[in-house]
């Protein structure tokens, strides 16, 4: 499996039965692979909602469907359903789920942001 000839910045394992691979890199596309599908190296999903490099991606530890991504565009996104959280003034360099319904993120703007009350069902 090759990451589309781009620099790989982040990856995480999650989704159904922890079988999906999410990865982001030096383009604005978050890609999802399912290695259970033999003979394919193409992503099964691609999300193109960012406008710059992806710096972090993380599946929610209790939900198959909730995946976050952070980007140099200053935003982090929640996928499935899509939500855009614009809490930074510069690149978002890291992000992770915190507690059950919050995301914590840090960036080049020197801010540590907590976005709470995210619906995860």
PDB file of N, CA and C in Angstrom:
ATOM      1  N   UNK A   1       0.857  -1.162   0.000  1.00  0.00           N
ATOM      2  CA  UNK A   1       0.000   0.000   0.000  1.00  0.00           C
ATOM      3  C   UNK A   1       0.908   1.230   0.000  1.00  0.00           C
ATOM      4  N   UNK A   2       0.704   2.116  -0.915  1.00  0.00           N
ATOM      5  CA  UNK A   2       1.505   3.335  -0.990  1.00  0.00           C
ATOM      6  C   UNK A   2       0.614   4.532  -0.725  1.00  0.00           C
ATOM      7  N   UNK A   3       1.165   5.516  -0.041  1.00  0.00           N
ATOM      8  CA  UNK A   3       0.396   6.706   0.315  1.00  0.00           C
ATOM      9  C   UNK A   3       0.446   7.735  -0.801  1.00  0.00           C
ATOM     10  N   UNK A   4      -0.013   7.391  -1.959  1.00  0.00           N
ATOM     11  CA  UNK A   4      -0.225   8.324  -3.076  1.00  0.00           C
ATOM     12  C   UNK A   4       0.981   9.184  -3.406  1.00  0.00           C
ATOM     13  N   UNK A   5       2.183   8.719  -3.107  1.00  0.00           N
ATOM     14  CA  UNK A   5       3.385   9.463  -3.437  1.00  0.00           C
ATOM     15  C   UNK A   5       3.574  10.737  -2.639  1.00  0.00           C
ATOM     16  N   UNK A   6       2.876  10.888  -1.526  1.00  0.00           N
ATOM     17  CA  UNK A   6       2.949  12.088  -0.687  1.00  0.00           C
ATOM     18  C   UNK A   6       3.607  11.752   0.648  1.00  0.00           C
ATOM     19  N   UNK A   7       4.134  12.785   1.307  1.00  0.00           N
ATOM     20  CA  UNK A   7       4.680  12.624   2.651  1.00  0.00           C
ATOM     21  C   UNK A   7       3.547  12.227   3.592  1.00  0.00           C
ATOM     22  N   UNK A   8       3.788  11.243   4.437  1.00  0.00           N
ATOM     23  CA  UNK A   8       2.799  10.773   5.405  1.00  0.00           C
ATOM     24  C   UNK A   8       3.068  11.456   6.746  1.00  0.00           C
ATOM     25  N   UNK A   9       2.098  12.217   7.250  1.00  0.00           N
ATOM     26  CA  UNK A   9       2.253  12.939   8.516  1.00  0.00           C
ATOM     27  C   UNK A   9       1.598  12.240   9.694  1.00  0.00           C
ATOM     28  N   UNK A  10       0.529  11.478   9.446  1.00  0.00           N
ATOM     29  CA  UNK A  10      -0.209  10.877  10.552  1.00  0.00           C
ATOM     30  C   UNK A  10      -0.978   9.663  10.069  1.00  0.00           C
ATOM     31  N   UNK A  11      -1.263   8.776  11.016  1.00  0.00           N
ATOM     32  CA  UNK A  11      -2.147   7.651  10.732  1.00  0.00           C
ATOM     33  C   UNK A  11      -2.746   7.163  12.026  1.00  0.00           C
ATOM     34  N   UNK A  12      -3.888   6.496  11.915  1.00  0.00           N
ATOM     35  CA  UNK A  12      -4.546   5.913  13.073  1.00  0.00           C
ATOM     36  C   UNK A  12      -5.395   4.740  12.604  1.00  0.00           C
ATOM     37  N   UNK A  13      -5.555   3.783  13.492  1.00  0.00           N
ATOM     38  CA  UNK A  13      -6.338   2.579  13.224  1.00  0.00           C
ATOM     39  C   UNK A  13      -7.659   2.701  13.970  1.00  0.00           C
ATOM     40  N   UNK A  14      -8.771   2.388  13.313  1.00  0.00           N
ATOM     41  CA  UNK A  14     -10.064   2.469  13.983  1.00  0.00           C
ATOM     42  C   UNK A  14     -11.174   2.011  13.072  1.00  0.00           C
ATOM     43  N   UNK A  15     -12.360   2.549  13.317  1.00  0.00           N
ATOM     44  CA  UNK A  15     -13.510   2.137  12.532  1.00  0.00           C
ATOM     45  C   UNK A  15     -14.009   0.776  12.963  1.00  0.00           C
ATOM     46  N   UNK A  16     -14.810   0.169  12.118  1.00  0.00           N
ATOM     47  CA  UNK A  16     -15.412  -1.125  12.420  1.00  0.00           C
ATOM     48  C   UNK A  16     -14.352  -2.173  12.719  1.00  0.00           C
ATOM     49  N   UNK A  17     -14.437  -2.794  13.887  1.00  0.00           N
ATOM     50  CA  UNK A  17     -13.496  -3.832  14.337  1.00  0.00           C
ATOM     51  C   UNK A  17     -12.047  -3.348  14.327  1.00  0.00           C
ATOM     52  N   UNK A  18     -11.843  -2.058  14.441  1.00  0.00           N
ATOM     53  CA  UNK A  18     -10.497  -1.455  14.381  1.00  0.00           C
ATOM     54  C   UNK A  18      -9.737  -1.947  13.162  1.00  0.00           C
ATOM     55  N   UNK A  19     -10.422  -1.995  12.033  1.00  0.00           N
ATOM     56  CA  UNK A  19      -9.833  -2.556  10.819  1.00  0.00           C
ATOM     57  C   UNK A  19      -9.512  -1.519   9.755  1.00  0.00           C
ATOM     58  N   UNK A  20      -9.882  -0.268   9.972  1.00  0.00           N
ATOM     59  CA  UNK A  20      -9.642   0.755   8.960  1.00  0.00           C
ATOM     60  C   UNK A  20      -8.407   1.580   9.307  1.00  0.00           C
ATOM     61  N   UNK A  21      -7.712   2.032   8.284  1.00  0.00           N
ATOM     62  CA  UNK A  21      -6.526   2.866   8.456  1.00  0.00           C
ATOM     63  C   UNK A  21      -6.845   4.251   7.908  1.00  0.00           C
ATOM     64  N   UNK A  22      -6.732   5.261   8.757  1.00  0.00           N
ATOM     65  CA  UNK A  22      -6.877   6.656   8.324  1.00  0.00           C
ATOM     66  C   UNK A  22      -5.482   7.249   8.235  1.00  0.00           C
ATOM     67  N   UNK A  23      -5.219   8.034   7.192  1.00  0.00           N
ATOM     68  CA  UNK A  23      -3.898   8.638   7.026  1.00  0.00           C
ATOM     69  C   UNK A  23      -4.016   9.995   6.354  1.00  0.00           C
ATOM     70  N   UNK A  24      -3.138  10.899   6.770  1.00  0.00           N
ATOM     71  CA  UNK A  24      -3.075  12.228   6.180  1.00  0.00           C
ATOM     72  C   UNK A  24      -1.633  12.620   5.937  1.00  0.00           C
ATOM     73  N   UNK A  25      -1.436  13.549   5.025  1.00  0.00           N
ATOM     74  CA  UNK A  25      -0.073  13.931   4.691  1.00  0.00           C
ATOM     75  C   UNK A  25       0.025  15.282   4.029  1.00  0.00           C
ATOM     76  N   UNK A  26       0.919  15.359   3.062  1.00  0.00           N
ATOM     77  CA  UNK A  26       1.283  16.639   2.455  1.00  0.00           C
ATOM     78  C   UNK A  26       0.332  17.075   1.337  1.00  0.00           C
ATOM     79  N   UNK A  27      -0.935  16.777   1.522  1.00  0.00           N
ATOM     80  CA  UNK A  27      -1.996  17.327   0.682  1.00  0.00           C
ATOM     81  C   UNK A  27      -3.247  17.436   1.555  1.00  0.00           C
ATOM     82  N   UNK A  28      -4.326  18.022   1.077  1.00  0.00           N
ATOM     83  CA  UNK A  28      -5.499  18.244   1.930  1.00  0.00           C
ATOM     84  C   UNK A  28      -6.483  17.073   1.987  1.00  0.00           C
ATOM     85  N   UNK A  29      -6.062  15.888   1.605  1.00  0.00           N
ATOM     86  CA  UNK A  29      -6.974  14.745   1.516  1.00  0.00           C
ATOM     87  C   UNK A  29      -6.711  13.749   2.642  1.00  0.00           C
ATOM     88  N   UNK A  30      -7.751  13.448   3.414  1.00  0.00           N
ATOM     89  CA  UNK A  30      -7.689  12.393   4.418  1.00  0.00           C
ATOM     90  C   UNK A  30      -8.151  11.113   3.737  1.00  0.00           C
ATOM     91  N   UNK A  31      -7.317  10.081   3.782  1.00  0.00           N
ATOM     92  CA  UNK A  31      -7.622   8.827   3.084  1.00  0.00           C
ATOM     93  C   UNK A  31      -7.885   7.710   4.093  1.00  0.00           C
ATOM     94  N   UNK A  32      -8.823   6.826   3.732  1.00  0.00           N
ATOM     95  CA  UNK A  32      -9.176   5.677   4.558  1.00  0.00           C
ATOM     96  C   UNK A  32      -8.977   4.416   3.729  1.00  0.00           C
ATOM     97  N   UNK A  33      -8.208   3.453   4.276  1.00  0.00           N
ATOM     98  CA  UNK A  33      -8.000   2.164   3.624  1.00  0.00           C
ATOM     99  C   UNK A  33      -8.635   1.062   4.458  1.00  0.00           C
ATOM    100  N   UNK A  34      -9.058   0.016   3.781  1.00  0.00           N
ATOM    101  CA  UNK A  34      -9.562  -1.187   4.436  1.00  0.00           C
ATOM    102  C   UNK A  34      -8.689  -2.354   3.991  1.00  0.00           C
ATOM    103  N   UNK A  35      -7.682  -2.730   4.798  1.00  0.00           N
ATOM    104  CA  UNK A  35      -6.771  -3.802   4.389  1.00  0.00           C
ATOM    105  C   UNK A  35      -7.427  -5.182   4.324  1.00  0.00           C
ATOM    106  N   UNK A  36      -8.679  -5.299   4.768  1.00  0.00           N
ATOM    107  CA  UNK A  36      -9.395  -6.573   4.652  1.00  0.00           C
ATOM    108  C   UNK A  36      -9.792  -6.859   3.217  1.00  0.00           C
ATOM    109  N   UNK A  37      -9.741  -5.854   2.359  1.00  0.00           N
ATOM    110  CA  UNK A  37     -10.083  -6.027   0.944  1.00  0.00           C
ATOM    111  C   UNK A  37      -8.817  -6.403   0.185  1.00  0.00           C
ATOM    112  N   UNK A  38      -8.647  -7.684  -0.121  1.00  0.00           N
ATOM    113  CA  UNK A  38      -7.409  -8.123  -0.773  1.00  0.00           C
ATOM    114  C   UNK A  38      -7.282  -7.590  -2.197  1.00  0.00           C
ATOM    115  N   UNK A  39      -6.045  -7.371  -2.599  1.00  0.00           N
ATOM    116  CA  UNK A  39      -5.770  -6.987  -3.975  1.00  0.00           C
ATOM    117  C   UNK A  39      -6.041  -5.540  -4.317  1.00  0.00           C
ATOM    118  N   UNK A  40      -6.330  -4.724  -3.310  1.00  0.00           N
ATOM    119  CA  UNK A  40      -6.562  -3.309  -3.603  1.00  0.00           C
ATOM    120  C   UNK A  40      -5.621  -2.443  -2.786  1.00  0.00           C
ATOM    121  N   UNK A  41      -5.071  -1.452  -3.420  1.00  0.00           N
ATOM    122  CA  UNK A  41      -4.222  -0.511  -2.695  1.00  0.00           C
ATOM    123  C   UNK A  41      -4.833   0.887  -2.692  1.00  0.00           C
ATOM    124  N   UNK A  42      -5.995   1.025  -3.301  1.00  0.00           N
ATOM    125  CA  UNK A  42      -6.667   2.327  -3.358  1.00  0.00           C
ATOM    126  C   UNK A  42      -7.453   2.571  -2.068  1.00  0.00           C
ATOM    127  N   UNK A  43      -7.525   3.812  -1.627  1.00  0.00           N
ATOM    128  CA  UNK A  43      -8.348   4.122  -0.453  1.00  0.00           C
ATOM    129  C   UNK A  43      -9.822   3.816  -0.728  1.00  0.00           C
ATOM    130  N   UNK A  44     -10.553   3.405   0.318  1.00  0.00           N
ATOM    131  CA  UNK A  44     -11.985   3.152   0.175  1.00  0.00           C
ATOM    132  C   UNK A  44     -12.795   4.431   0.373  1.00  0.00           C
ATOM    133  N   UNK A  45     -12.218   5.414   1.078  1.00  0.00           N
ATOM    134  CA  UNK A  45     -12.831   6.732   1.256  1.00  0.00           C
ATOM    135  C   UNK A  45     -11.747   7.791   1.143  1.00  0.00           C
ATOM    136  N   UNK A  46     -12.136   8.968   0.661  1.00  0.00           N
ATOM    137  CA  UNK A  46     -11.248  10.127   0.639  1.00  0.00           C
ATOM    138  C   UNK A  46     -12.068  11.356   1.008  1.00  0.00           C
ATOM    139  N   UNK A  47     -11.565  12.125   1.961  1.00  0.00           N
ATOM    140  CA  UNK A  47     -12.222  13.358   2.385  1.00  0.00           C
ATOM    141  C   UNK A  47     -11.351  14.534   1.967  1.00  0.00           C
ATOM    142  N   UNK A  48     -11.924  15.449   1.211  1.00  0.00           N
ATOM    143  CA  UNK A  48     -11.169  16.585   0.661  1.00  0.00           C
ATOM    144  C   UNK A  48     -11.646  17.911   1.232  1.00  0.00           C
ATOM    145  N   UNK A  49     -11.950  17.952   2.511  1.00  0.00           N
ATOM    146  CA  UNK A  49     -12.525  19.157   3.103  1.00  0.00           C
ATOM    147  C   UNK A  49     -11.493  20.157   3.611  1.00  0.00           C
ATOM    148  N   UNK A  50     -10.254  19.736   3.777  1.00  0.00           N
ATOM    149  CA  UNK A  50      -9.207  20.670   4.200  1.00  0.00           C
ATOM    150  C   UNK A  50      -8.672  21.423   2.985  1.00  0.00           C
ATOM    151  N   UNK A  51      -7.933  22.501   3.246  1.00  0.00           N
ATOM    152  CA  UNK A  51      -7.324  23.270   2.161  1.00  0.00           C
ATOM    153  C   UNK A  51      -5.802  23.257   2.227  1.00  0.00           C
ATOM    154  N   UNK A  52      -5.233  22.514   3.186  1.00  0.00           N
ATOM    155  CA  UNK A  52      -3.781  22.427   3.317  1.00  0.00           C
ATOM    156  C   UNK A  52      -3.413  21.062   3.901  1.00  0.00           C
ATOM    157  N   UNK A  53      -2.125  20.854   4.137  1.00  0.00           N
ATOM    158  CA  UNK A  53      -1.615  19.577   4.644  1.00  0.00           C
ATOM    159  C   UNK A  53      -2.368  19.123   5.891  1.00  0.00           C
ATOM    160  N   UNK A  54      -2.510  17.822   6.036  1.00  0.00           N
ATOM    161  CA  UNK A  54      -3.126  17.235   7.224  1.00  0.00           C
ATOM    162  C   UNK A  54      -2.015  16.846   8.191  1.00  0.00           C
ATOM    163  N   UNK A  55      -2.150  17.296   9.441  1.00  0.00           N
ATOM    164  CA  UNK A  55      -1.102  17.078  10.438  1.00  0.00           C
ATOM    165  C   UNK A  55      -1.454  16.008  11.464  1.00  0.00           C
ATOM    166  N   UNK A  56      -2.747  15.696  11.636  1.00  0.00           N
ATOM    167  CA  UNK A  56      -3.157  14.698  12.627  1.00  0.00           C
ATOM    168  C   UNK A  56      -4.488  14.089  12.223  1.00  0.00           C
ATOM    169  N   UNK A  57      -4.674  12.823  12.587  1.00  0.00           N
ATOM    170  CA  UNK A  57      -5.969  12.163  12.429  1.00  0.00           C
ATOM    171  C   UNK A  57      -6.130  11.180  13.576  1.00  0.00           C
ATOM    172  N   UNK A  58      -7.362  11.027  14.041  1.00  0.00           N
ATOM    173  CA  UNK A  58      -7.595  10.175  15.203  1.00  0.00           C
ATOM    174  C   UNK A  58      -9.034   9.684  15.213  1.00  0.00           C
ATOM    175  N   UNK A  59      -9.218   8.363  15.297  1.00  0.00           N
ATOM    176  CA  UNK A  59     -10.545   7.777  15.459  1.00  0.00           C
ATOM    177  C   UNK A  59     -10.978   7.944  16.910  1.00  0.00           C
ATOM    178  N   UNK A  60     -12.275   8.096  17.143  1.00  0.00           N
ATOM    179  CA  UNK A  60     -12.822   8.103  18.501  1.00  0.00           C
ATOM    180  C   UNK A  60     -12.725   6.681  19.037  1.00  0.00           C
ATOM    181  N   UNK A  61     -12.333   6.532  20.293  1.00  0.00           N
ATOM    182  CA  UNK A  61     -12.103   5.194  20.843  1.00  0.00           C
ATOM    183  C   UNK A  61     -13.384   4.396  21.088  1.00  0.00           C
ATOM    184  N   UNK A  62     -14.545   5.047  21.082  1.00  0.00           N
ATOM    185  CA  UNK A  62     -15.799   4.325  21.306  1.00  0.00           C
ATOM    186  C   UNK A  62     -16.748   4.340  20.115  1.00  0.00           C
ATOM    187  N   UNK A  63     -16.399   5.029  19.064  1.00  0.00           N
ATOM    188  CA  UNK A  63     -17.304   5.156  17.923  1.00  0.00           C
ATOM    189  C   UNK A  63     -16.619   4.705  16.640  1.00  0.00           C
ATOM    190  N   UNK A  64     -17.284   3.876  15.873  1.00  0.00           N
ATOM    191  CA  UNK A  64     -16.753   3.441  14.579  1.00  0.00           C
ATOM    192  C   UNK A  64     -16.740   4.578  13.575  1.00  0.00           C
ATOM    193  N   UNK A  65     -17.609   5.550  13.777  1.00  0.00           N
ATOM    194  CA  UNK A  65     -17.868   6.540  12.741  1.00  0.00           C
ATOM    195  C   UNK A  65     -17.202   7.892  12.953  1.00  0.00           C
ATOM    196  N   UNK A  66     -16.702   8.166  14.133  1.00  0.00           N
ATOM    197  CA  UNK A  66     -16.179   9.498  14.429  1.00  0.00           C
ATOM    198  C   UNK A  66     -14.662   9.535  14.290  1.00  0.00           C
ATOM    199  N   UNK A  67     -14.236  10.355  13.363  1.00  0.00           N
ATOM    200  CA  UNK A  67     -12.825  10.504  13.021  1.00  0.00           C
ATOM    201  C   UNK A  67     -12.535  11.992  12.938  1.00  0.00           C
ATOM    202  N   UNK A  68     -11.436  12.424  13.561  1.00  0.00           N
ATOM    203  CA  UNK A  68     -11.074  13.832  13.449  1.00  0.00           C
ATOM    204  C   UNK A  68      -9.796  13.964  12.641  1.00  0.00           C
ATOM    205  N   UNK A  69      -9.636  15.104  12.007  1.00  0.00           N
ATOM    206  CA  UNK A  69      -8.393  15.425  11.308  1.00  0.00           C
ATOM    207  C   UNK A  69      -8.049  16.880  11.587  1.00  0.00           C
ATOM    208  N   UNK A  70      -6.755  17.163  11.689  1.00  0.00           N
ATOM    209  CA  UNK A  70      -6.260  18.520  11.910  1.00  0.00           C
ATOM    210  C   UNK A  70      -5.379  18.897  10.731  1.00  0.00           C
ATOM    211  N   UNK A  71      -5.318  20.202  10.453  1.00  0.00           N
ATOM    212  CA  UNK A  71      -4.626  20.627   9.244  1.00  0.00           C
ATOM    213  C   UNK A  71      -3.881  21.940   9.430  1.00  0.00           C
ATOM    214  N   UNK A  72      -2.943  22.157   8.523  1.00  0.00           N
ATOM    215  CA  UNK A  72      -2.229  23.427   8.462  1.00  0.00           C
ATOM    216  C   UNK A  72      -3.157  24.566   8.056  1.00  0.00           C
ATOM    217  N   UNK A  73      -4.382  24.267   7.642  1.00  0.00           N
ATOM    218  CA  UNK A  73      -5.327  25.328   7.276  1.00  0.00           C
ATOM    219  C   UNK A  73      -5.950  26.003   8.501  1.00  0.00           C
ATOM    220  N   UNK A  74      -5.563  25.557   9.713  1.00  0.00           N
ATOM    221  CA  UNK A  74      -6.054  26.169  10.945  1.00  0.00           C
ATOM    222  C   UNK A  74      -7.345  25.579  11.467  1.00  0.00           C
ATOM    223  N   UNK A  75      -7.799  24.485  10.878  1.00  0.00           N
ATOM    224  CA  UNK A  75      -9.064  23.878  11.278  1.00  0.00           C
ATOM    225  C   UNK A  75      -8.852  22.422  11.667  1.00  0.00           C
ATOM    226  N   UNK A  76      -9.755  21.924  12.499  1.00  0.00           N
ATOM    227  CA  UNK A  76      -9.872  20.477  12.592  1.00  0.00           C
ATOM    228  C   UNK A  76     -11.292  20.106  12.219  1.00  0.00           C
ATOM    229  N   UNK A  77     -11.413  18.961  11.591  1.00  0.00           N
ATOM    230  CA  UNK A  77     -12.697  18.496  11.075  1.00  0.00           C
ATOM    231  C   UNK A  77     -13.105  17.217  11.769  1.00  0.00           C
ATOM    232  N   UNK A  78     -14.398  17.058  11.954  1.00  0.00           N
ATOM    233  CA  UNK A  78     -14.974  15.805  12.409  1.00  0.00           C
ATOM    234  C   UNK A  78     -15.668  15.190  11.211  1.00  0.00           C
ATOM    235  N   UNK A  79     -15.335  13.960  10.916  1.00  0.00           N
ATOM    236  CA  UNK A  79     -15.913  13.270   9.760  1.00  0.00           C
ATOM    237  C   UNK A  79     -16.978  12.301  10.254  1.00  0.00           C
ATOM    238  N   UNK A  80     -18.045  12.211   9.505  1.00  0.00           N
ATOM    239  CA  UNK A  80     -19.183  11.312   9.780  1.00  0.00           C
ATOM    240  C   UNK A  80     -19.905  11.712  11.051  1.00  0.00           C
ATOM    241  N   UNK A  81     -20.722  12.671  11.102  1.00  0.00           N
ATOM    242  CA  UNK A  81     -21.017  13.661  10.067  1.00  0.00           C
ATOM    243  C   UNK A  81     -19.950  14.749  10.042  1.00  0.00           C
ATOM    244  N   UNK A  82     -19.846  15.426   8.931  1.00  0.00           N
ATOM    245  CA  UNK A  82     -18.811  16.439   8.761  1.00  0.00           C
ATOM    246  C   UNK A  82     -19.124  17.691   9.572  1.00  0.00           C
ATOM    247  N   UNK A  83     -18.150  18.107  10.370  1.00  0.00           N
ATOM    248  CA  UNK A  83     -18.223  19.365  11.120  1.00  0.00           C
ATOM    249  C   UNK A  83     -16.873  20.044  11.013  1.00  0.00           C
ATOM    250  N   UNK A  84     -16.876  21.358  10.878  1.00  0.00           N
ATOM    251  CA  UNK A  84     -15.634  22.121  10.809  1.00  0.00           C
ATOM    252  C   UNK A  84     -15.525  22.970  12.065  1.00  0.00           C
ATOM    253  N   UNK A  85     -14.423  22.812  12.794  1.00  0.00           N
ATOM    254  CA  UNK A  85     -14.172  23.617  13.978  1.00  0.00           C
ATOM    255  C   UNK A  85     -12.986  24.520  13.668  1.00  0.00           C
ATOM    256  N   UNK A  86     -13.241  25.811  13.667  1.00  0.00           N
ATOM    257  CA  UNK A  86     -12.242  26.811  13.281  1.00  0.00           C
ATOM    258  C   UNK A  86     -11.804  27.564  14.535  1.00  0.00           C
ATOM    259  N   UNK A  87     -10.944  26.949  15.352  1.00  0.00           N
ATOM    260  CA  UNK A  87     -10.578  27.537  16.636  1.00  0.00           C
ATOM    261  C   UNK A  87      -9.149  28.067  16.682  1.00  0.00           C
ATOM    262  N   UNK A  88      -8.386  27.896  15.624  1.00  0.00           N
ATOM    263  CA  UNK A  88      -6.992  28.344  15.606  1.00  0.00           C
ATOM    264  C   UNK A  88      -6.786  29.428  14.551  1.00  0.00           C
ATOM    265  N   UNK A  89      -5.796  30.283  14.787  1.00  0.00           N
ATOM    266  CA  UNK A  89      -5.445  31.353  13.859  1.00  0.00           C
ATOM    267  C   UNK A  89      -4.309  30.958  12.923  1.00  0.00           C
ATOM    268  N   UNK A  90      -3.714  29.787  13.153  1.00  0.00           N
ATOM    269  CA  UNK A  90      -2.582  29.315  12.358  1.00  0.00           C
ATOM    270  C   UNK A  90      -2.715  27.799  12.235  1.00  0.00           C
ATOM    271  N   UNK A  91      -1.672  27.137  11.791  1.00  0.00           N
ATOM    272  CA  UNK A  91      -1.687  25.691  11.575  1.00  0.00           C
ATOM    273  C   UNK A  91      -2.093  24.937  12.839  1.00  0.00           C
ATOM    274  N   UNK A  92      -2.965  23.939  12.686  1.00  0.00           N
ATOM    275  CA  UNK A  92      -3.257  23.002  13.769  1.00  0.00           C
ATOM    276  C   UNK A  92      -2.269  21.857  13.602  1.00  0.00           C
ATOM    277  N   UNK A  93      -1.428  21.659  14.600  1.00  0.00           N
ATOM    278  CA  UNK A  93      -0.349  20.682  14.489  1.00  0.00           C
ATOM    279  C   UNK A  93      -0.666  19.359  15.163  1.00  0.00           C
ATOM    280  N   UNK A  94      -1.600  19.354  16.113  1.00  0.00           N
ATOM    281  CA  UNK A  94      -1.950  18.105  16.790  1.00  0.00           C
ATOM    282  C   UNK A  94      -3.377  18.208  17.316  1.00  0.00           C
ATOM    283  N   UNK A  95      -4.024  17.063  17.435  1.00  0.00           N
ATOM    284  CA  UNK A  95      -5.389  17.011  17.968  1.00  0.00           C
ATOM    285  C   UNK A  95      -5.671  15.594  18.432  1.00  0.00           C
ATOM    286  N   UNK A  96      -6.522  15.483  19.439  1.00  0.00           N
ATOM    287  CA  UNK A  96      -6.900  14.167  19.941  1.00  0.00           C
ATOM    288  C   UNK A  96      -8.250  14.294  20.641  1.00  0.00           C
ATOM    289  N   UNK A  97      -8.938  13.162  20.766  1.00  0.00           N
ATOM    290  CA  UNK A  97     -10.175  13.114  21.527  1.00  0.00           C
ATOM    291  C   UNK A  97      -9.823  13.246  23.001  1.00  0.00           C
ATOM    292  N   UNK A  98     -10.666  13.946  23.750  1.00  0.00           N
ATOM    293  CA  UNK A  98     -10.465  14.120  25.185  1.00  0.00           C
ATOM    294  C   UNK A  98     -11.790  13.864  25.866  1.00  0.00           C
ATOM    295  N   UNK A  99     -11.742  13.026  26.874  1.00  0.00           N
ATOM    296  CA  UNK A  99     -12.956  12.556  27.535  1.00  0.00           C
ATOM    297  C   UNK A  99     -13.845  11.911  26.476  1.00  0.00           C
ATOM    298  N   UNK A 100     -15.135  11.950  26.640  1.00  0.00           N
ATOM    299  CA  UNK A 100     -16.006  11.261  25.681  1.00  0.00           C
ATOM    300  C   UNK A 100     -16.520  12.161  24.569  1.00  0.00           C
ATOM    301  N   UNK A 101     -16.555  13.478  24.821  1.00  0.00           N
ATOM    302  CA  UNK A 101     -17.244  14.354  23.867  1.00  0.00           C
ATOM    303  C   UNK A 101     -16.477  15.639  23.561  1.00  0.00           C
ATOM    304  N   UNK A 102     -15.169  15.612  23.693  1.00  0.00           N
ATOM    305  CA  UNK A 102     -14.372  16.819  23.457  1.00  0.00           C
ATOM    306  C   UNK A 102     -13.160  16.502  22.602  1.00  0.00           C
ATOM    307  N   UNK A 103     -12.672  17.534  21.922  1.00  0.00           N
ATOM    308  CA  UNK A 103     -11.427  17.432  21.165  1.00  0.00           C
ATOM    309  C   UNK A 103     -10.488  18.502  21.695  1.00  0.00           C
ATOM    310  N   UNK A 104      -9.242  18.118  21.921  1.00  0.00           N
ATOM    311  CA  UNK A 104      -8.213  19.057  22.340  1.00  0.00           C
ATOM    312  C   UNK A 104      -7.234  19.203  21.179  1.00  0.00           C
ATOM    313  N   UNK A 105      -6.837  20.435  20.888  1.00  0.00           N
ATOM    314  CA  UNK A 105      -5.950  20.671  19.749  1.00  0.00           C
ATOM    315  C   UNK A 105      -4.913  21.733  20.098  1.00  0.00           C
ATOM    316  N   UNK A 106      -3.775  21.641  19.436  1.00  0.00           N
ATOM    317  CA  UNK A 106      -2.703  22.614  19.627  1.00  0.00           C
ATOM    318  C   UNK A 106      -2.159  23.040  18.281  1.00  0.00           C
ATOM    319  N   UNK A 107      -1.635  24.270  18.242  1.00  0.00           N
ATOM    320  CA  UNK A 107      -1.185  24.741  16.944  1.00  0.00           C
ATOM    321  C   UNK A 107      -0.038  25.717  16.986  1.00  0.00           C
ATOM    322  N   UNK A 108       0.326  26.173  15.799  1.00  0.00           N
ATOM    323  CA  UNK A 108       1.414  27.124  15.632  1.00  0.00           C
ATOM    324  C   UNK A 108       1.060  28.491  16.206  1.00  0.00           C
ATOM    325  N   UNK A 109      -0.213  28.717  16.505  1.00  0.00           N
ATOM    326  CA  UNK A 109      -0.633  29.973  17.127  1.00  0.00           C
ATOM    327  C   UNK A 109      -0.411  29.959  18.639  1.00  0.00           C
ATOM    328  N   UNK A 110       0.235  28.914  19.146  1.00  0.00           N
ATOM    329  CA  UNK A 110       0.571  28.682  20.563  1.00  0.00           C
ATOM    330  C   UNK A 110      -0.656  28.448  21.435  1.00  0.00           C
ATOM    331  N   UNK A 111      -1.815  28.193  20.843  1.00  0.00           N
ATOM    332  CA  UNK A 111      -3.036  27.944  21.606  1.00  0.00           C
ATOM    333  C   UNK A 111      -3.253  26.458  21.827  1.00  0.00           C
ATOM    334  N   UNK A 112      -3.773  26.141  22.991  1.00  0.00           N
ATOM    335  CA  UNK A 112      -4.295  24.822  23.302  1.00  0.00           C
ATOM    336  C   UNK A 112      -5.802  25.009  23.418  1.00  0.00           C
ATOM    337  N   UNK A 113      -6.561  24.432  22.504  1.00  0.00           N
ATOM    338  CA  UNK A 113      -8.014  24.643  22.449  1.00  0.00           C
ATOM    339  C   UNK A 113      -8.754  23.366  22.813  1.00  0.00           C
ATOM    340  N   UNK A 114      -9.844  23.528  23.551  1.00  0.00           N
ATOM    341  CA  UNK A 114     -10.724  22.413  23.877  1.00  0.00           C
ATOM    342  C   UNK A 114     -12.097  22.725  23.294  1.00  0.00           C
ATOM    343  N   UNK A 115     -12.576  21.851  22.439  1.00  0.00           N
ATOM    344  CA  UNK A 115     -13.914  21.974  21.856  1.00  0.00           C
ATOM    345  C   UNK A 115     -14.777  20.899  22.489  1.00  0.00           C
ATOM    346  N   UNK A 116     -15.809  21.313  23.215  1.00  0.00           N
ATOM    347  CA  UNK A 116     -16.607  20.393  24.025  1.00  0.00           C
ATOM    348  C   UNK A 116     -17.978  20.127  23.431  1.00  0.00           C
ATOM    349  N   UNK A 117     -18.649  19.172  24.053  1.00  0.00           N
ATOM    350  CA  UNK A 117     -20.029  18.806  23.743  1.00  0.00           C
ATOM    351  C   UNK A 117     -20.222  18.391  22.295  1.00  0.00           C
ATOM    352  N   UNK A 118     -19.311  17.570  21.807  1.00  0.00           N
ATOM    353  CA  UNK A 118     -19.417  17.011  20.464  1.00  0.00           C
ATOM    354  C   UNK A 118     -20.281  15.759  20.556  1.00  0.00           C
ATOM    355  N   UNK A 119     -21.298  15.665  19.749  1.00  0.00           N
ATOM    356  CA  UNK A 119     -22.212  14.531  19.799  1.00  0.00           C
ATOM    357  C   UNK A 119     -21.553  13.289  19.203  1.00  0.00           C
ATOM    358  N   UNK A 120     -21.293  12.310  20.071  1.00  0.00           N
ATOM    359  CA  UNK A 120     -20.714  11.037  19.640  1.00  0.00           C
ATOM    360  C   UNK A 120     -21.675   9.946  20.079  1.00  0.00           C
ATOM    361  N   UNK A 121     -22.373   9.360  19.107  1.00  0.00           N
ATOM    362  CA  UNK A 121     -23.355   8.326  19.440  1.00  0.00           C
ATOM    363  C   UNK A 121     -23.115   7.095  18.638  1.00  0.00           C
TER     364      UNK A 121
END
